[in-house]
Amino acid sequence: MMPEPNWDEIYSLARRAEEIAADGKMDRETWRGLLHEAAIASNGRPDLTSFLARYAKSEWTRELREEERGRKTPAA
């Protein structure tokens, strides 16, 4: 059984992301930092980090997918 997500932190991150985006200050590093924090707060449930997708530029998500593919090692 997976641990429960930290809902308070997830909601807080969503509010922060909205404020940062509204201020025009969302950049790649900020978005990646929020995504990292959301991944921790979600306790391994990537579906709970999808709220950040709306703030990402397409190249940021493409880079992230490429990095994730690079981390996966082929089965021996």
Protein backbone atom coordinates (compact mmCIF):
# COMPACT_ATOMS: atom_id res chain seq x y z
CA MET A 1 0.00 0.00 0.00
CA MET A 2 1.30 3.41 -0.98
CA PRO A 3 1.61 6.16 1.61
CA GLU A 4 -1.00 8.89 1.46
CA PRO A 5 -0.11 12.00 -0.53
CA ASN A 6 0.56 15.20 1.37
CA TRP A 7 -2.54 17.01 0.15
CA ASP A 8 -1.77 20.22 2.03
CA GLU A 9 1.59 20.46 0.28
CA ILE A 10 0.09 19.64 -3.12
CA TYR A 11 -2.55 22.37 -2.71
CA SER A 12 0.14 24.79 -1.53
CA LEU A 13 2.28 24.00 -4.58
CA ALA A 14 -0.70 24.55 -6.86
CA ARG A 15 -1.31 27.99 -5.32
CA ARG A 16 2.38 28.88 -5.60
CA ALA A 17 2.49 27.78 -9.24
CA GLU A 18 -0.55 29.91 -10.05
CA GLU A 19 0.97 32.95 -8.34
CA ILE A 20 4.35 32.50 -10.02
CA ALA A 21 2.72 32.10 -13.44
CA ALA A 22 0.46 35.11 -12.88
CA ASP A 23 3.51 37.20 -12.01
CA GLY A 24 5.20 36.05 -15.25
CA LYS A 25 8.04 34.44 -13.31
CA MET A 26 7.61 30.79 -14.30
CA ASP A 27 10.81 29.57 -15.89
CA ARG A 28 12.30 26.14 -16.49
CA GLU A 29 14.15 25.94 -13.16
CA THR A 30 11.16 27.12 -11.15
CA TRP A 31 8.84 24.69 -12.91
CA ARG A 32 11.26 21.79 -12.43
CA GLY A 33 11.62 22.67 -8.75
CA LEU A 34 7.85 22.72 -8.27
CA LEU A 35 7.58 19.42 -10.13
CA HIS A 36 10.20 17.88 -7.86
CA GLU A 37 8.41 19.11 -4.73
CA ALA A 38 5.08 17.84 -6.08
CA ALA A 39 6.60 14.42 -6.80
CA ILE A 40 7.74 14.17 -3.18
CA ALA A 41 4.39 15.37 -1.84
CA SER A 42 2.51 12.90 -4.04
CA ASN A 43 4.40 9.93 -2.58
CA GLY A 44 5.05 8.31 -5.93
CA ARG A 45 1.78 9.14 -7.67
CA PRO A 46 2.69 11.02 -10.86
CA ASP A 47 -0.98 11.64 -11.65
CA LEU A 48 -1.01 14.07 -8.72
CA THR A 49 1.68 16.23 -10.33
CA SER A 50 -0.21 16.76 -13.60
CA PHE A 51 -1.57 20.12 -12.40
CA LEU A 52 1.84 21.58 -13.22
CA ALA A 53 1.61 20.63 -16.91
CA ARG A 54 -0.38 23.75 -17.71
CA TYR A 55 2.57 25.93 -16.67
CA ALA A 56 5.21 24.12 -18.73
CA LYS A 57 6.47 25.05 -22.15
CA SER A 58 6.56 22.17 -24.59
CA GLU A 59 10.37 22.08 -24.71
CA TRP A 60 10.49 21.66 -20.91
CA THR A 61 8.29 18.59 -21.01
CA ARG A 62 10.19 17.22 -24.02
CA GLU A 63 13.49 17.62 -22.14
CA LEU A 64 12.02 15.90 -19.10
CA ARG A 65 10.78 12.95 -21.18
CA GLU A 66 14.20 12.61 -22.82
CA GLU A 67 15.93 12.65 -19.43
CA GLU A 68 13.54 10.01 -18.09
CA ARG A 69 14.15 7.78 -21.13
CA GLY A 70 17.89 8.19 -20.61
CA ARG A 71 17.62 7.03 -16.99
CA LYS A 72 15.86 3.82 -17.91
CA THR A 73 18.32 1.06 -18.50
CA PRO A 74 17.51 -1.72 -20.93
CA ALA A 75 16.88 -5.16 -19.46
CA ALA A 76 19.90 -7.44 -19.64
